[in-house]
Amino acid sequence: MTNPKEPLPDFSDVSSGSSSEALSREEVAIPTYTIVKGDTLSKIAKHHYGDAGKWKALFEANRDVIKNPDLIQIGWVIKLPPL
């Protein structure tokens, strides 16, 4: 119970934030992976999806980063989309 002599907090200047600041559910929900030495999209797909043939899904989800699926670089961070 609050003390009746204490003023109540004033939340009138609190805002929920703008839509440009908030992350969408898709951005929050999609895990990422950082490319390491020896990786290929097929190896990553095999490890994360159990099927090396799913490399195409990785490529399609990461076209903003990967221009050629045969040329990926150590340190790139890619999305691991749900299948």
PDB file of N, CA and C in Angstrom:
ATOM      1  N   MET A   1       0.848  -1.173   0.000  1.00  0.00           N
ATOM      2  CA  MET A   1       0.000   0.000   0.000  1.00  0.00           C
ATOM      3  C   MET A   1       0.893   1.235   0.000  1.00  0.00           C
ATOM      4  N   THR A   2       0.510   2.251  -0.755  1.00  0.00           N
ATOM      5  CA  THR A   2       1.306   3.470  -0.832  1.00  0.00           C
ATOM      6  C   THR A   2       0.998   4.392   0.336  1.00  0.00           C
ATOM      7  N   ASN A   3       1.962   5.194   0.650  1.00  0.00           N
ATOM      8  CA  ASN A   3       1.807   6.180   1.706  1.00  0.00           C
ATOM      9  C   ASN A   3       0.958   7.323   1.162  1.00  0.00           C
ATOM     10  N   PRO A   4      -0.153   7.673   1.799  1.00  0.00           N
ATOM     11  CA  PRO A   4      -1.028   8.727   1.273  1.00  0.00           C
ATOM     12  C   PRO A   4      -0.359  10.088   1.203  1.00  0.00           C
ATOM     13  N   LYS A   5       0.732  10.286   1.915  1.00  0.00           N
ATOM     14  CA  LYS A   5       1.418  11.581   1.900  1.00  0.00           C
ATOM     15  C   LYS A   5       2.366  11.711   0.702  1.00  0.00           C
ATOM     16  N   GLU A   6       2.758  10.557   0.087  1.00  0.00           N
ATOM     17  CA  GLU A   6       3.657  10.603  -1.070  1.00  0.00           C
ATOM     18  C   GLU A   6       2.853  10.875  -2.329  1.00  0.00           C
ATOM     19  N   PRO A   7       3.362  11.745  -3.189  1.00  0.00           N
ATOM     20  CA  PRO A   7       2.639  12.008  -4.440  1.00  0.00           C
ATOM     21  C   PRO A   7       2.726  10.791  -5.364  1.00  0.00           C
ATOM     22  N   LEU A   8       1.722  10.602  -6.167  1.00  0.00           N
ATOM     23  CA  LEU A   8       1.727   9.515  -7.133  1.00  0.00           C
ATOM     24  C   LEU A   8       2.679   9.861  -8.276  1.00  0.00           C
ATOM     25  N   PRO A   9       3.309   8.862  -8.858  1.00  0.00           N
ATOM     26  CA  PRO A   9       4.215   9.156  -9.978  1.00  0.00           C
ATOM     27  C   PRO A   9       3.449   9.717 -11.161  1.00  0.00           C
ATOM     28  N   ASP A  10       4.088  10.587 -11.915  1.00  0.00           N
ATOM     29  CA  ASP A  10       3.480  11.215 -13.077  1.00  0.00           C
ATOM     30  C   ASP A  10       4.050  10.573 -14.335  1.00  0.00           C
ATOM     31  N   PHE A  11       3.225   9.838 -15.056  1.00  0.00           N
ATOM     32  CA  PHE A  11       3.654   9.168 -16.279  1.00  0.00           C
ATOM     33  C   PHE A  11       3.122   9.872 -17.523  1.00  0.00           C
ATOM     34  N   SER A  12       2.716  11.116 -17.403  1.00  0.00           N
ATOM     35  CA  SER A  12       2.096  11.822 -18.522  1.00  0.00           C
ATOM     36  C   SER A  12       3.065  12.077 -19.673  1.00  0.00           C
ATOM     37  N   ASP A  13       4.372  12.086 -19.415  1.00  0.00           N
ATOM     38  CA  ASP A  13       5.327  12.356 -20.487  1.00  0.00           C
ATOM     39  C   ASP A  13       5.952  11.087 -21.061  1.00  0.00           C
ATOM     40  N   VAL A  14       5.444   9.924 -20.696  1.00  0.00           N
ATOM     41  CA  VAL A  14       5.971   8.656 -21.176  1.00  0.00           C
ATOM     42  C   VAL A  14       5.258   8.294 -22.469  1.00  0.00           C
ATOM     43  N   SER A  15       6.059   7.917 -23.471  1.00  0.00           N
ATOM     44  CA  SER A  15       5.453   7.491 -24.740  1.00  0.00           C
ATOM     45  C   SER A  15       5.868   6.066 -25.029  1.00  0.00           C
ATOM     46  N   SER A  16       5.146   5.451 -25.930  1.00  0.00           N
ATOM     47  CA  SER A  16       5.421   4.059 -26.263  1.00  0.00           C
ATOM     48  C   SER A  16       6.507   3.921 -27.311  1.00  0.00           C
ATOM     49  N   GLY A  17       7.014   4.988 -27.841  1.00  0.00           N
ATOM     50  CA  GLY A  17       8.047   4.940 -28.872  1.00  0.00           C
ATOM     51  C   GLY A  17       7.422   4.994 -30.245  1.00  0.00           C
ATOM     52  N   SER A  18       8.231   5.323 -31.214  1.00  0.00           N
ATOM     53  CA  SER A  18       7.712   5.392 -32.579  1.00  0.00           C
ATOM     54  C   SER A  18       7.930   4.070 -33.283  1.00  0.00           C
ATOM     55  N   SER A  19       7.196   3.848 -34.335  1.00  0.00           N
ATOM     56  CA  SER A  19       7.314   2.592 -35.067  1.00  0.00           C
ATOM     57  C   SER A  19       8.696   2.446 -35.697  1.00  0.00           C
ATOM     58  N   SER A  20       9.381   3.563 -35.987  1.00  0.00           N
ATOM     59  CA  SER A  20      10.712   3.460 -36.583  1.00  0.00           C
ATOM     60  C   SER A  20      11.741   2.978 -35.570  1.00  0.00           C
ATOM     61  N   GLU A  21      11.496   3.171 -34.287  1.00  0.00           N
ATOM     62  CA  GLU A  21      12.435   2.731 -33.267  1.00  0.00           C
ATOM     63  C   GLU A  21      12.192   1.283 -32.858  1.00  0.00           C
ATOM     64  N   ALA A  22      10.982   0.842 -32.965  1.00  0.00           N
ATOM     65  CA  ALA A  22      10.639  -0.503 -32.519  1.00  0.00           C
ATOM     66  C   ALA A  22      11.031  -1.531 -33.569  1.00  0.00           C
ATOM     67  N   LEU A  23      11.500  -2.682 -33.106  1.00  0.00           N
ATOM     68  CA  LEU A  23      11.831  -3.770 -34.012  1.00  0.00           C
ATOM     69  C   LEU A  23      10.575  -4.561 -34.332  1.00  0.00           C
ATOM     70  N   SER A  24      10.468  -5.008 -35.548  1.00  0.00           N
ATOM     71  CA  SER A  24       9.323  -5.836 -35.899  1.00  0.00           C
ATOM     72  C   SER A  24       9.531  -7.228 -35.317  1.00  0.00           C
ATOM     73  N   ARG A  25       8.460  -7.981 -35.229  1.00  0.00           N
ATOM     74  CA  ARG A  25       8.556  -9.348 -34.712  1.00  0.00           C
ATOM     75  C   ARG A  25       9.484 -10.185 -35.567  1.00  0.00           C
ATOM     76  N   GLU A  26       9.492  -9.963 -36.886  1.00  0.00           N
ATOM     77  CA  GLU A  26      10.352 -10.719 -37.776  1.00  0.00           C
ATOM     78  C   GLU A  26      11.820 -10.458 -37.473  1.00  0.00           C
ATOM     79  N   GLU A  27      12.177  -9.199 -37.217  1.00  0.00           N
ATOM     80  CA  GLU A  27      13.564  -8.863 -36.920  1.00  0.00           C
ATOM     81  C   GLU A  27      14.019  -9.486 -35.609  1.00  0.00           C
ATOM     82  N   VAL A  28      13.150  -9.568 -34.661  1.00  0.00           N
ATOM     83  CA  VAL A  28      13.497 -10.117 -33.358  1.00  0.00           C
ATOM     84  C   VAL A  28      13.543 -11.642 -33.416  1.00  0.00           C
ATOM     85  N   ALA A  29      12.645 -12.241 -34.177  1.00  0.00           N
ATOM     86  CA  ALA A  29      12.479 -13.687 -34.152  1.00  0.00           C
ATOM     87  C   ALA A  29      13.490 -14.460 -34.993  1.00  0.00           C
ATOM     88  N   ILE A  30      14.077 -13.867 -36.004  1.00  0.00           N
ATOM     89  CA  ILE A  30      14.965 -14.604 -36.890  1.00  0.00           C
ATOM     90  C   ILE A  30      16.371 -14.666 -36.307  1.00  0.00           C
ATOM     91  N   PRO A  31      16.847 -15.892 -36.012  1.00  0.00           N
ATOM     92  CA  PRO A  31      18.208 -16.023 -35.490  1.00  0.00           C
ATOM     93  C   PRO A  31      19.241 -15.742 -36.589  1.00  0.00           C
ATOM     94  N   THR A  32      20.449 -15.451 -36.172  1.00  0.00           N
ATOM     95  CA  THR A  32      21.527 -15.175 -37.116  1.00  0.00           C
ATOM     96  C   THR A  32      22.686 -16.136 -36.895  1.00  0.00           C
ATOM     97  N   TYR A  33      23.584 -16.159 -37.848  1.00  0.00           N
ATOM     98  CA  TYR A  33      24.775 -16.994 -37.791  1.00  0.00           C
ATOM     99  C   TYR A  33      25.920 -16.208 -38.395  1.00  0.00           C
ATOM    100  N   THR A  34      27.095 -16.289 -37.780  1.00  0.00           N
ATOM    101  CA  THR A  34      28.283 -15.616 -38.297  1.00  0.00           C
ATOM    102  C   THR A  34      29.160 -16.633 -39.031  1.00  0.00           C
ATOM    103  N   ILE A  35      29.481 -16.321 -40.270  1.00  0.00           N
ATOM    104  CA  ILE A  35      30.274 -17.211 -41.114  1.00  0.00           C
ATOM    105  C   ILE A  35      31.670 -17.378 -40.521  1.00  0.00           C
ATOM    106  N   VAL A  36      32.128 -18.631 -40.453  1.00  0.00           N
ATOM    107  CA  VAL A  36      33.479 -18.945 -39.972  1.00  0.00           C
ATOM    108  C   VAL A  36      34.245 -19.659 -41.082  1.00  0.00           C
ATOM    109  N   LYS A  37      35.548 -19.796 -40.890  1.00  0.00           N
ATOM    110  CA  LYS A  37      36.420 -20.444 -41.874  1.00  0.00           C
ATOM    111  C   LYS A  37      35.899 -21.845 -42.188  1.00  0.00           C
ATOM    112  N   GLY A  38      35.824 -22.156 -43.470  1.00  0.00           N
ATOM    113  CA  GLY A  38      35.394 -23.476 -43.909  1.00  0.00           C
ATOM    114  C   GLY A  38      33.905 -23.605 -44.162  1.00  0.00           C
ATOM    115  N   ASP A  39      33.141 -22.577 -43.840  1.00  0.00           N
ATOM    116  CA  ASP A  39      31.696 -22.636 -44.040  1.00  0.00           C
ATOM    117  C   ASP A  39      31.330 -22.555 -45.517  1.00  0.00           C
ATOM    118  N   THR A  40      30.250 -23.223 -45.838  1.00  0.00           N
ATOM    119  CA  THR A  40      29.554 -23.057 -47.112  1.00  0.00           C
ATOM    120  C   THR A  40      28.079 -22.971 -46.749  1.00  0.00           C
ATOM    121  N   LEU A  41      27.278 -22.469 -47.655  1.00  0.00           N
ATOM    122  CA  LEU A  41      25.847 -22.412 -47.360  1.00  0.00           C
ATOM    123  C   LEU A  41      25.288 -23.823 -47.171  1.00  0.00           C
ATOM    124  N   SER A  42      25.821 -24.787 -47.899  1.00  0.00           N
ATOM    125  CA  SER A  42      25.373 -26.172 -47.741  1.00  0.00           C
ATOM    126  C   SER A  42      25.702 -26.723 -46.361  1.00  0.00           C
ATOM    127  N   LYS A  43      26.899 -26.444 -45.875  1.00  0.00           N
ATOM    128  CA  LYS A  43      27.296 -26.922 -44.535  1.00  0.00           C
ATOM    129  C   LYS A  43      26.433 -26.275 -43.451  1.00  0.00           C
ATOM    130  N   ILE A  44      26.179 -24.987 -43.603  1.00  0.00           N
ATOM    131  CA  ILE A  44      25.346 -24.274 -42.624  1.00  0.00           C
ATOM    132  C   ILE A  44      23.927 -24.838 -42.643  1.00  0.00           C
ATOM    133  N   ALA A  45      23.400 -25.073 -43.850  1.00  0.00           N
ATOM    134  CA  ALA A  45      22.054 -25.634 -43.977  1.00  0.00           C
ATOM    135  C   ALA A  45      21.989 -27.029 -43.363  1.00  0.00           C
ATOM    136  N   LYS A  46      22.993 -27.844 -43.604  1.00  0.00           N
ATOM    137  CA  LYS A  46      23.026 -29.196 -43.040  1.00  0.00           C
ATOM    138  C   LYS A  46      23.034 -29.134 -41.509  1.00  0.00           C
ATOM    139  N   HIS A  47      23.837 -28.241 -40.962  1.00  0.00           N
ATOM    140  CA  HIS A  47      23.950 -28.128 -39.504  1.00  0.00           C
ATOM    141  C   HIS A  47      22.654 -27.598 -38.878  1.00  0.00           C
ATOM    142  N   HIS A  48      22.074 -26.566 -39.460  1.00  0.00           N
ATOM    143  CA  HIS A  48      20.918 -25.911 -38.840  1.00  0.00           C
ATOM    144  C   HIS A  48      19.569 -26.501 -39.237  1.00  0.00           C
ATOM    145  N   TYR A  49      19.500 -27.092 -40.426  1.00  0.00           N
ATOM    146  CA  TYR A  49      18.222 -27.617 -40.904  1.00  0.00           C
ATOM    147  C   TYR A  49      18.225 -29.133 -41.119  1.00  0.00           C
ATOM    148  N   GLY A  50      19.415 -29.735 -41.039  1.00  0.00           N
ATOM    149  CA  GLY A  50      19.509 -31.177 -41.258  1.00  0.00           C
ATOM    150  C   GLY A  50      19.451 -31.562 -42.724  1.00  0.00           C
ATOM    151  N   ASP A  51      19.573 -30.595 -43.622  1.00  0.00           N
ATOM    152  CA  ASP A  51      19.472 -30.853 -45.051  1.00  0.00           C
ATOM    153  C   ASP A  51      20.330 -29.848 -45.803  1.00  0.00           C
ATOM    154  N   ALA A  52      21.417 -30.325 -46.400  1.00  0.00           N
ATOM    155  CA  ALA A  52      22.319 -29.438 -47.135  1.00  0.00           C
ATOM    156  C   ALA A  52      21.621 -28.759 -48.304  1.00  0.00           C
ATOM    157  N   GLY A  53      20.585 -29.392 -48.835  1.00  0.00           N
ATOM    158  CA  GLY A  53      19.849 -28.831 -49.960  1.00  0.00           C
ATOM    159  C   GLY A  53      19.073 -27.568 -49.625  1.00  0.00           C
ATOM    160  N   LYS A  54      18.967 -27.251 -48.363  1.00  0.00           N
ATOM    161  CA  LYS A  54      18.247 -26.041 -47.938  1.00  0.00           C
ATOM    162  C   LYS A  54      19.111 -24.781 -48.067  1.00  0.00           C
ATOM    163  N   TRP A  55      20.302 -24.912 -48.654  1.00  0.00           N
ATOM    164  CA  TRP A  55      21.188 -23.755 -48.832  1.00  0.00           C
ATOM    165  C   TRP A  55      20.496 -22.660 -49.624  1.00  0.00           C
ATOM    166  N   LYS A  56      19.594 -23.043 -50.537  1.00  0.00           N
ATOM    167  CA  LYS A  56      18.899 -22.042 -51.358  1.00  0.00           C
ATOM    168  C   LYS A  56      18.045 -21.114 -50.491  1.00  0.00           C
ATOM    169  N   ALA A  57      17.445 -21.666 -49.441  1.00  0.00           N
ATOM    170  CA  ALA A  57      16.634 -20.839 -48.532  1.00  0.00           C
ATOM    171  C   ALA A  57      17.524 -19.831 -47.810  1.00  0.00           C
ATOM    172  N   LEU A  58      18.724 -20.261 -47.427  1.00  0.00           N
ATOM    173  CA  LEU A  58      19.679 -19.341 -46.791  1.00  0.00           C
ATOM    174  C   LEU A  58      20.068 -18.231 -47.768  1.00  0.00           C
ATOM    175  N   PHE A  59      20.348 -18.620 -48.992  1.00  0.00           N
ATOM    176  CA  PHE A  59      20.734 -17.644 -50.006  1.00  0.00           C
ATOM    177  C   PHE A  59      19.618 -16.631 -50.254  1.00  0.00           C
ATOM    178  N   GLU A  60      18.393 -17.103 -50.441  1.00  0.00           N
ATOM    179  CA  GLU A  60      17.264 -16.215 -50.704  1.00  0.00           C
ATOM    180  C   GLU A  60      17.008 -15.257 -49.544  1.00  0.00           C
ATOM    181  N   ALA A  61      17.153 -15.738 -48.316  1.00  0.00           N
ATOM    182  CA  ALA A  61      16.897 -14.904 -47.134  1.00  0.00           C
ATOM    183  C   ALA A  61      17.995 -13.872 -46.896  1.00  0.00           C
ATOM    184  N   ASN A  62      19.140 -14.059 -47.560  1.00  0.00           N
ATOM    185  CA  ASN A  62      20.292 -13.189 -47.302  1.00  0.00           C
ATOM    186  C   ASN A  62      20.828 -12.517 -48.556  1.00  0.00           C
ATOM    187  N   ARG A  63      19.973 -12.301 -49.534  1.00  0.00           N
ATOM    188  CA  ARG A  63      20.416 -11.661 -50.779  1.00  0.00           C
ATOM    189  C   ARG A  63      20.958 -10.248 -50.550  1.00  0.00           C
ATOM    190  N   ASP A  64      20.589  -9.638 -49.431  1.00  0.00           N
ATOM    191  CA  ASP A  64      21.121  -8.309 -49.122  1.00  0.00           C
ATOM    192  C   ASP A  64      22.596  -8.371 -48.743  1.00  0.00           C
ATOM    193  N   VAL A  65      23.058  -9.549 -48.312  1.00  0.00           N
ATOM    194  CA  VAL A  65      24.450  -9.740 -47.905  1.00  0.00           C
ATOM    195  C   VAL A  65      25.205 -10.580 -48.928  1.00  0.00           C
ATOM    196  N   ILE A  66      24.578 -11.634 -49.406  1.00  0.00           N
ATOM    197  CA  ILE A  66      25.230 -12.603 -50.287  1.00  0.00           C
ATOM    198  C   ILE A  66      24.804 -12.353 -51.733  1.00  0.00           C
ATOM    199  N   LYS A  67      25.758 -11.994 -52.562  1.00  0.00           N
ATOM    200  CA  LYS A  67      25.480 -11.773 -53.993  1.00  0.00           C
ATOM    201  C   LYS A  67      25.724 -13.044 -54.800  1.00  0.00           C
ATOM    202  N   ASN A  68      26.704 -13.843 -54.388  1.00  0.00           N
ATOM    203  CA  ASN A  68      27.043 -15.094 -55.065  1.00  0.00           C
ATOM    204  C   ASN A  68      27.095 -16.183 -53.989  1.00  0.00           C
ATOM    205  N   PRO A  69      26.246 -17.212 -54.070  1.00  0.00           N
ATOM    206  CA  PRO A  69      26.203 -18.230 -53.015  1.00  0.00           C
ATOM    207  C   PRO A  69      27.490 -19.037 -52.876  1.00  0.00           C
ATOM    208  N   ASP A  70      28.358 -18.973 -53.883  1.00  0.00           N
ATOM    209  CA  ASP A  70      29.640 -19.678 -53.811  1.00  0.00           C
ATOM    210  C   ASP A  70      30.739 -18.824 -53.187  1.00  0.00           C
ATOM    211  N   LEU A  71      30.437 -17.558 -52.922  1.00  0.00           N
ATOM    212  CA  LEU A  71      31.447 -16.654 -52.361  1.00  0.00           C
ATOM    213  C   LEU A  71      30.905 -15.999 -51.093  1.00  0.00           C
ATOM    214  N   ILE A  72      31.098 -16.673 -49.979  1.00  0.00           N
ATOM    215  CA  ILE A  72      30.723 -16.083 -48.691  1.00  0.00           C
ATOM    216  C   ILE A  72      32.004 -15.801 -47.920  1.00  0.00           C
ATOM    217  N   GLN A  73      31.954 -14.811 -47.048  1.00  0.00           N
ATOM    218  CA  GLN A  73      33.169 -14.382 -46.364  1.00  0.00           C
ATOM    219  C   GLN A  73      33.059 -14.547 -44.855  1.00  0.00           C
ATOM    220  N   ILE A  74      34.177 -14.902 -44.258  1.00  0.00           N
ATOM    221  CA  ILE A  74      34.274 -15.023 -42.803  1.00  0.00           C
ATOM    222  C   ILE A  74      33.846 -13.702 -42.179  1.00  0.00           C
ATOM    223  N   GLY A  75      33.012 -13.796 -41.158  1.00  0.00           N
ATOM    224  CA  GLY A  75      32.568 -12.612 -40.439  1.00  0.00           C
ATOM    225  C   GLY A  75      31.212 -12.088 -40.870  1.00  0.00           C
ATOM    226  N   TRP A  76      30.748 -12.485 -42.045  1.00  0.00           N
ATOM    227  CA  TRP A  76      29.411 -12.063 -42.448  1.00  0.00           C
ATOM    228  C   TRP A  76      28.393 -12.644 -41.495  1.00  0.00           C
ATOM    229  N   VAL A  77      27.382 -11.875 -41.182  1.00  0.00           N
ATOM    230  CA  VAL A  77      26.298 -12.338 -40.323  1.00  0.00           C
ATOM    231  C   VAL A  77      25.080 -12.550 -41.229  1.00  0.00           C
ATOM    232  N   ILE A  78      24.582 -13.791 -41.224  1.00  0.00           N
ATOM    233  CA  ILE A  78      23.433 -14.100 -42.067  1.00  0.00           C
ATOM    234  C   ILE A  78      22.238 -14.512 -41.203  1.00  0.00           C
ATOM    235  N   LYS A  79      21.064 -14.355 -41.787  1.00  0.00           N
ATOM    236  CA  LYS A  79      19.838 -14.755 -41.105  1.00  0.00           C
ATOM    237  C   LYS A  79      19.590 -16.240 -41.334  1.00  0.00           C
ATOM    238  N   LEU A  80      19.041 -16.909 -40.328  1.00  0.00           N
ATOM    239  CA  LEU A  80      18.646 -18.307 -40.440  1.00  0.00           C
ATOM    240  C   LEU A  80      17.116 -18.347 -40.412  1.00  0.00           C
ATOM    241  N   PRO A  81      16.504 -18.236 -41.593  1.00  0.00           N
ATOM    242  CA  PRO A  81      15.052 -18.137 -41.639  1.00  0.00           C
ATOM    243  C   PRO A  81      14.378 -19.444 -41.220  1.00  0.00           C
ATOM    244  N   PRO A  82      13.185 -19.353 -40.679  1.00  0.00           N
ATOM    245  CA  PRO A  82      12.442 -20.581 -40.383  1.00  0.00           C
ATOM    246  C   PRO A  82      12.012 -21.213 -41.705  1.00  0.00           C
ATOM    247  N   LEU A  83      12.007 -22.527 -41.751  1.00  0.00           N
ATOM    248  CA  LEU A  83      11.594 -23.218 -42.995  1.00  0.00           C
ATOM    249  C   LEU A  83      10.244 -23.874 -42.812  1.00  0.00           C
TER     250      LEU A  83
END
